[in-house]
């Protein structure tokens, strides 16, 4: 359960405080097309998800190694 809480906290801290709509509006204000801004936002979300999943996998592998029963 602690792992899930840690993963959630990590993901939340990576995302930041700005909403998707705020980030898209900021991107468009710079003169970038809406399609490009949307694609960049999707790439950012996918990268955050990939990083969180990879971190979780590493934590689980380390936990397995540390708690593996010795014969």
PDB file of N, CA and C in Angstrom:
ATOM      1  N   UNK A   1       0.817  -1.189   0.000  1.00  0.00           N
ATOM      2  CA  UNK A   1       0.000   0.000   0.000  1.00  0.00           C
ATOM      3  C   UNK A   1       0.863   1.256   0.000  1.00  0.00           C
ATOM      4  N   UNK A   2       1.993   1.199   0.698  1.00  0.00           N
ATOM      5  CA  UNK A   2       2.881   2.353   0.738  1.00  0.00           C
ATOM      6  C   UNK A   2       3.456   2.645  -0.637  1.00  0.00           C
ATOM      7  N   UNK A   3       3.682   1.579  -1.412  1.00  0.00           N
ATOM      8  CA  UNK A   3       4.231   1.763  -2.755  1.00  0.00           C
ATOM      9  C   UNK A   3       3.251   2.537  -3.623  1.00  0.00           C
ATOM     10  N   UNK A   4       1.974   2.205  -3.512  1.00  0.00           N
ATOM     11  CA  UNK A   4       0.955   2.895  -4.300  1.00  0.00           C
ATOM     12  C   UNK A   4       0.893   4.359  -3.889  1.00  0.00           C
ATOM     13  N   UNK A   5       0.957   4.625  -2.601  1.00  0.00           N
ATOM     14  CA  UNK A   5       0.930   5.999  -2.112  1.00  0.00           C
ATOM     15  C   UNK A   5       2.149   6.775  -2.603  1.00  0.00           C
ATOM     16  N   UNK A   6       3.304   6.137  -2.559  1.00  0.00           N
ATOM     17  CA  UNK A   6       4.526   6.785  -3.024  1.00  0.00           C
ATOM     18  C   UNK A   6       4.450   7.061  -4.524  1.00  0.00           C
ATOM     19  N   UNK A   7       3.930   6.114  -5.274  1.00  0.00           N
ATOM     20  CA  UNK A   7       3.789   6.282  -6.713  1.00  0.00           C
ATOM     21  C   UNK A   7       2.835   7.429  -7.022  1.00  0.00           C
ATOM     22  N   UNK A   8       1.745   7.502  -6.306  1.00  0.00           N
ATOM     23  CA  UNK A   8       0.765   8.568  -6.518  1.00  0.00           C
ATOM     24  C   UNK A   8       1.377   9.921  -6.192  1.00  0.00           C
ATOM     25  N   UNK A   9       2.113  10.000  -5.097  1.00  0.00           N
ATOM     26  CA  UNK A   9       2.752  11.249  -4.706  1.00  0.00           C
ATOM     27  C   UNK A   9       3.793  11.682  -5.726  1.00  0.00           C
ATOM     28  N   UNK A  10       4.566  10.719  -6.229  1.00  0.00           N
ATOM     29  CA  UNK A  10       5.578  11.020  -7.234  1.00  0.00           C
ATOM     30  C   UNK A  10       4.928  11.557  -8.501  1.00  0.00           C
ATOM     31  N   UNK A  11       3.890  10.883  -8.946  1.00  0.00           N
ATOM     32  CA  UNK A  11       3.199  11.320 -10.158  1.00  0.00           C
ATOM     33  C   UNK A  11       2.601  12.705  -9.968  1.00  0.00           C
ATOM     34  N   UNK A  12       2.020  12.959  -8.828  1.00  0.00           N
ATOM     35  CA  UNK A  12       1.405  14.260  -8.557  1.00  0.00           C
ATOM     36  C   UNK A  12       2.453  15.364  -8.546  1.00  0.00           C
ATOM     37  N   UNK A  13       3.625  15.085  -8.002  1.00  0.00           N
ATOM     38  CA  UNK A  13       4.660  16.112  -7.959  1.00  0.00           C
ATOM     39  C   UNK A  13       5.241  16.379  -9.335  1.00  0.00           C
ATOM     40  N   UNK A  14       5.269  15.371 -10.193  1.00  0.00           N
ATOM     41  CA  UNK A  14       5.768  15.564 -11.554  1.00  0.00           C
ATOM     42  C   UNK A  14       4.795  16.373 -12.404  1.00  0.00           C
ATOM     43  N   UNK A  15       3.534  16.207 -12.159  1.00  0.00           N
ATOM     44  CA  UNK A  15       2.521  16.868 -12.969  1.00  0.00           C
ATOM     45  C   UNK A  15       2.517  18.372 -12.722  1.00  0.00           C
ATOM     46  N   UNK A  16       2.710  18.799 -11.516  1.00  0.00           N
ATOM     47  CA  UNK A  16       2.701  20.216 -11.204  1.00  0.00           C
ATOM     48  C   UNK A  16       1.300  20.713 -10.902  1.00  0.00           C
ATOM     49  N   UNK A  17       1.171  22.013 -10.765  1.00  0.00           N
ATOM     50  CA  UNK A  17      -0.099  22.595 -10.342  1.00  0.00           C
ATOM     51  C   UNK A  17      -0.972  23.052 -11.503  1.00  0.00           C
ATOM     52  N   UNK A  18      -0.405  23.285 -12.679  1.00  0.00           N
ATOM     53  CA  UNK A  18      -1.173  23.780 -13.814  1.00  0.00           C
ATOM     54  C   UNK A  18      -2.042  22.661 -14.395  1.00  0.00           C
ATOM     55  N   UNK A  19      -3.259  23.035 -14.780  1.00  0.00           N
ATOM     56  CA  UNK A  19      -4.146  22.059 -15.407  1.00  0.00           C
ATOM     57  C   UNK A  19      -3.784  21.921 -16.882  1.00  0.00           C
ATOM     58  N   UNK A  20      -4.308  20.881 -17.487  1.00  0.00           N
ATOM     59  CA  UNK A  20      -4.059  20.670 -18.913  1.00  0.00           C
ATOM     60  C   UNK A  20      -4.526  21.876 -19.724  1.00  0.00           C
ATOM     61  N   UNK A  21      -5.699  22.405 -19.383  1.00  0.00           N
ATOM     62  CA  UNK A  21      -6.240  23.554 -20.110  1.00  0.00           C
ATOM     63  C   UNK A  21      -5.318  24.773 -19.976  1.00  0.00           C
ATOM     64  N   UNK A  22      -4.760  24.971 -18.783  1.00  0.00           N
ATOM     65  CA  UNK A  22      -3.843  26.100 -18.573  1.00  0.00           C
ATOM     66  C   UNK A  22      -2.577  25.930 -19.402  1.00  0.00           C
ATOM     67  N   UNK A  23      -2.045  24.708 -19.422  1.00  0.00           N
ATOM     68  CA  UNK A  23      -0.832  24.465 -20.212  1.00  0.00           C
ATOM     69  C   UNK A  23      -1.103  24.645 -21.699  1.00  0.00           C
ATOM     70  N   UNK A  24      -2.258  24.184 -22.178  1.00  0.00           N
ATOM     71  CA  UNK A  24      -2.606  24.350 -23.592  1.00  0.00           C
ATOM     72  C   UNK A  24      -2.779  25.829 -23.932  1.00  0.00           C
ATOM     73  N   UNK A  25      -3.446  26.589 -23.064  1.00  0.00           N
ATOM     74  CA  UNK A  25      -3.644  28.017 -23.305  1.00  0.00           C
ATOM     75  C   UNK A  25      -2.307  28.751 -23.345  1.00  0.00           C
ATOM     76  N   UNK A  26      -1.406  28.394 -22.438  1.00  0.00           N
ATOM     77  CA  UNK A  26      -0.083  29.018 -22.404  1.00  0.00           C
ATOM     78  C   UNK A  26       0.681  28.709 -23.686  1.00  0.00           C
ATOM     79  N   UNK A  27       0.594  27.483 -24.131  1.00  0.00           N
ATOM     80  CA  UNK A  27       1.269  27.066 -25.366  1.00  0.00           C
ATOM     81  C   UNK A  27       0.709  27.840 -26.563  1.00  0.00           C
ATOM     82  N   UNK A  28      -0.614  27.918 -26.654  1.00  0.00           N
ATOM     83  CA  UNK A  28      -1.247  28.638 -27.761  1.00  0.00           C
ATOM     84  C   UNK A  28      -0.918  30.125 -27.717  1.00  0.00           C
ATOM     85  N   UNK A  29      -0.780  30.691 -26.520  1.00  0.00           N
ATOM     86  CA  UNK A  29      -0.443  32.109 -26.377  1.00  0.00           C
ATOM     87  C   UNK A  29       0.938  32.414 -26.959  1.00  0.00           C
ATOM     88  N   UNK A  30       1.768  31.410 -27.042  1.00  0.00           N
ATOM     89  CA  UNK A  30       3.104  31.585 -27.621  1.00  0.00           C
ATOM     90  C   UNK A  30       3.066  31.540 -29.144  1.00  0.00           C
ATOM     91  N   UNK A  31       1.868  31.306 -29.695  1.00  0.00           N
ATOM     92  CA  UNK A  31       1.735  31.296 -31.152  1.00  0.00           C
ATOM     93  C   UNK A  31       1.855  29.921 -31.771  1.00  0.00           C
ATOM     94  N   UNK A  32       1.848  28.879 -30.958  1.00  0.00           N
ATOM     95  CA  UNK A  32       1.947  27.511 -31.439  1.00  0.00           C
ATOM     96  C   UNK A  32       0.538  27.011 -31.742  1.00  0.00           C
ATOM     97  N   UNK A  33       0.390  26.214 -32.795  1.00  0.00           N
ATOM     98  CA  UNK A  33      -0.946  25.742 -33.167  1.00  0.00           C
ATOM     99  C   UNK A  33      -1.530  24.841 -32.076  1.00  0.00           C
ATOM    100  N   UNK A  34      -2.859  24.819 -32.018  1.00  0.00           N
ATOM    101  CA  UNK A  34      -3.565  24.013 -31.015  1.00  0.00           C
ATOM    102  C   UNK A  34      -3.216  22.534 -31.165  1.00  0.00           C
ATOM    103  N   UNK A  35      -3.125  22.042 -32.392  1.00  0.00           N
ATOM    104  CA  UNK A  35      -2.791  20.635 -32.615  1.00  0.00           C
ATOM    105  C   UNK A  35      -1.416  20.288 -32.057  1.00  0.00           C
ATOM    106  N   UNK A  36      -0.455  21.159 -32.289  1.00  0.00           N
ATOM    107  CA  UNK A  36       0.901  20.931 -31.791  1.00  0.00           C
ATOM    108  C   UNK A  36       0.937  20.977 -30.264  1.00  0.00           C
ATOM    109  N   UNK A  37       0.205  21.935 -29.686  1.00  0.00           N
ATOM    110  CA  UNK A  37       0.136  22.033 -28.220  1.00  0.00           C
ATOM    111  C   UNK A  37      -0.485  20.776 -27.628  1.00  0.00           C
ATOM    112  N   UNK A  38      -1.560  20.299 -28.263  1.00  0.00           N
ATOM    113  CA  UNK A  38      -2.238  19.102 -27.770  1.00  0.00           C
ATOM    114  C   UNK A  38      -1.302  17.898 -27.850  1.00  0.00           C
ATOM    115  N   UNK A  39      -0.586  17.767 -28.953  1.00  0.00           N
ATOM    116  CA  UNK A  39       0.350  16.655 -29.112  1.00  0.00           C
ATOM    117  C   UNK A  39       1.457  16.719 -28.053  1.00  0.00           C
ATOM    118  N   UNK A  40       1.966  17.917 -27.790  1.00  0.00           N
ATOM    119  CA  UNK A  40       3.002  18.080 -26.763  1.00  0.00           C
ATOM    120  C   UNK A  40       2.463  17.690 -25.387  1.00  0.00           C
ATOM    121  N   UNK A  41       1.213  18.056 -25.101  1.00  0.00           N
ATOM    122  CA  UNK A  41       0.595  17.711 -23.824  1.00  0.00           C
ATOM    123  C   UNK A  41       0.440  16.197 -23.687  1.00  0.00           C
ATOM    124  N   UNK A  42       0.007  15.543 -24.746  1.00  0.00           N
ATOM    125  CA  UNK A  42      -0.143  14.092 -24.719  1.00  0.00           C
ATOM    126  C   UNK A  42       1.217  13.412 -24.514  1.00  0.00           C
ATOM    127  N   UNK A  43       2.240  13.911 -25.179  1.00  0.00           N
ATOM    128  CA  UNK A  43       3.588  13.357 -24.998  1.00  0.00           C
ATOM    129  C   UNK A  43       4.068  13.537 -23.561  1.00  0.00           C
ATOM    130  N   UNK A  44       3.766  14.699 -22.959  1.00  0.00           N
ATOM    131  CA  UNK A  44       4.160  14.959 -21.571  1.00  0.00           C
ATOM    132  C   UNK A  44       3.464  13.985 -20.628  1.00  0.00           C
ATOM    133  N   UNK A  45       2.167  13.780 -20.823  1.00  0.00           N
ATOM    134  CA  UNK A  45       1.422  12.850 -19.976  1.00  0.00           C
ATOM    135  C   UNK A  45       1.920  11.417 -20.136  1.00  0.00           C
ATOM    136  N   UNK A  46       2.190  11.018 -21.366  1.00  0.00           N
ATOM    137  CA  UNK A  46       2.701   9.664 -21.605  1.00  0.00           C
ATOM    138  C   UNK A  46       4.067   9.468 -20.964  1.00  0.00           C
ATOM    139  N   UNK A  47       4.928  10.478 -21.028  1.00  0.00           N
ATOM    140  CA  UNK A  47       6.254  10.369 -20.415  1.00  0.00           C
ATOM    141  C   UNK A  47       6.141  10.279 -18.897  1.00  0.00           C
ATOM    142  N   UNK A  48       5.255  11.075 -18.299  1.00  0.00           N
ATOM    143  CA  UNK A  48       5.043  10.992 -16.842  1.00  0.00           C
ATOM    144  C   UNK A  48       4.564   9.600 -16.449  1.00  0.00           C
ATOM    145  N   UNK A  49       3.626   9.051 -17.211  1.00  0.00           N
ATOM    146  CA  UNK A  49       3.093   7.716 -16.925  1.00  0.00           C
ATOM    147  C   UNK A  49       4.192   6.657 -17.070  1.00  0.00           C
ATOM    148  N   UNK A  50       4.986   6.766 -18.119  1.00  0.00           N
ATOM    149  CA  UNK A  50       6.073   5.808 -18.344  1.00  0.00           C
ATOM    150  C   UNK A  50       7.087   5.874 -17.206  1.00  0.00           C
ATOM    151  N   UNK A  51       7.444   7.086 -16.786  1.00  0.00           N
ATOM    152  CA  UNK A  51       8.401   7.242 -15.682  1.00  0.00           C
ATOM    153  C   UNK A  51       7.860   6.644 -14.389  1.00  0.00           C
ATOM    154  N   UNK A  52       6.590   6.868 -14.113  1.00  0.00           N
ATOM    155  CA  UNK A  52       5.994   6.327 -12.886  1.00  0.00           C
ATOM    156  C   UNK A  52       5.954   4.805 -12.927  1.00  0.00           C
ATOM    157  N   UNK A  53       5.597   4.245 -14.077  1.00  0.00           N
ATOM    158  CA  UNK A  53       5.545   2.788 -14.198  1.00  0.00           C
ATOM    159  C   UNK A  53       6.933   2.173 -14.058  1.00  0.00           C
ATOM    160  N   UNK A  54       7.926   2.822 -14.653  1.00  0.00           N
ATOM    161  CA  UNK A  54       9.291   2.312 -14.573  1.00  0.00           C
ATOM    162  C   UNK A  54       9.809   2.381 -13.136  1.00  0.00           C
ATOM    163  N   UNK A  55       9.536   3.474 -12.465  1.00  0.00           N
ATOM    164  CA  UNK A  55       9.945   3.613 -11.066  1.00  0.00           C
ATOM    165  C   UNK A  55       9.285   2.546 -10.207  1.00  0.00           C
ATOM    166  N   UNK A  56       8.007   2.302 -10.434  1.00  0.00           N
ATOM    167  CA  UNK A  56       7.287   1.273  -9.690  1.00  0.00           C
ATOM    168  C   UNK A  56       7.892  -0.104  -9.950  1.00  0.00           C
ATOM    169  N   UNK A  57       8.207  -0.400 -11.209  1.00  0.00           N
ATOM    170  CA  UNK A  57       8.800  -1.698 -11.552  1.00  0.00           C
ATOM    171  C   UNK A  57      10.144  -1.867 -10.845  1.00  0.00           C
ATOM    172  N   UNK A  58      10.975  -0.818 -10.850  1.00  0.00           N
ATOM    173  CA  UNK A  58      12.268  -0.895 -10.168  1.00  0.00           C
ATOM    174  C   UNK A  58      12.082  -1.131  -8.673  1.00  0.00           C
ATOM    175  N   UNK A  59      11.128  -0.439  -8.084  1.00  0.00           N
ATOM    176  CA  UNK A  59      10.863  -0.631  -6.650  1.00  0.00           C
ATOM    177  C   UNK A  59      10.422  -2.062  -6.357  1.00  0.00           C
ATOM    178  N   UNK A  60       9.579  -2.620  -7.191  1.00  0.00           N
ATOM    179  CA  UNK A  60       9.091  -3.988  -6.986  1.00  0.00           C
ATOM    180  C   UNK A  60      10.221  -5.010  -7.174  1.00  0.00           C
ATOM    181  N   UNK A  61      11.079  -4.775  -8.157  1.00  0.00           N
ATOM    182  CA  UNK A  61      12.213  -5.679  -8.360  1.00  0.00           C
ATOM    183  C   UNK A  61      13.151  -5.636  -7.168  1.00  0.00           C
ATOM    184  N   UNK A  62      13.412  -4.431  -6.646  1.00  0.00           N
ATOM    185  CA  UNK A  62      14.285  -4.302  -5.463  1.00  0.00           C
ATOM    186  C   UNK A  62      13.637  -4.980  -4.256  1.00  0.00           C
ATOM    187  N   UNK A  63      12.333  -4.784  -4.080  1.00  0.00           N
ATOM    188  CA  UNK A  63      11.620  -5.407  -2.974  1.00  0.00           C
ATOM    189  C   UNK A  63      11.703  -6.925  -3.081  1.00  0.00           C
ATOM    190  N   UNK A  64      11.513  -7.459  -4.294  1.00  0.00           N
ATOM    191  CA  UNK A  64      11.611  -8.904  -4.499  1.00  0.00           C
ATOM    192  C   UNK A  64      13.000  -9.421  -4.122  1.00  0.00           C
ATOM    193  N   UNK A  65      14.041  -8.705  -4.529  1.00  0.00           N
ATOM    194  CA  UNK A  65      15.409  -9.121  -4.211  1.00  0.00           C
ATOM    195  C   UNK A  65      15.643  -9.107  -2.705  1.00  0.00           C
ATOM    196  N   UNK A  66      15.165  -8.066  -2.049  1.00  0.00           N
ATOM    197  CA  UNK A  66      15.411  -7.921  -0.616  1.00  0.00           C
ATOM    198  C   UNK A  66      14.614  -8.909   0.224  1.00  0.00           C
ATOM    199  N   UNK A  67      13.493  -9.343  -0.288  1.00  0.00           N
ATOM    200  CA  UNK A  67      12.623 -10.228   0.494  1.00  0.00           C
ATOM    201  C   UNK A  67      12.586 -11.664  -0.034  1.00  0.00           C
ATOM    202  N   UNK A  68      13.495 -11.950  -0.916  1.00  0.00           N
ATOM    203  CA  UNK A  68      13.566 -13.298  -1.468  1.00  0.00           C
ATOM    204  C   UNK A  68      14.037 -14.251  -0.378  1.00  0.00           C
ATOM    205  N   UNK A  69      13.319 -15.350  -0.238  1.00  0.00           N
ATOM    206  CA  UNK A  69      13.685 -16.325   0.787  1.00  0.00           C
ATOM    207  C   UNK A  69      14.954 -17.050   0.401  1.00  0.00           C
ATOM    208  N   UNK A  70      15.857 -17.138   1.358  1.00  0.00           N
ATOM    209  CA  UNK A  70      17.111 -17.812   1.112  1.00  0.00           C
ATOM    210  C   UNK A  70      16.976 -19.263   1.509  1.00  0.00           C
ATOM    211  N   UNK A  71      17.497 -20.168   0.653  1.00  0.00           N
ATOM    212  CA  UNK A  71      17.359 -21.608   0.964  1.00  0.00           C
ATOM    213  C   UNK A  71      18.191 -22.052   2.137  1.00  0.00           C
TER     214      UNK A  71
END
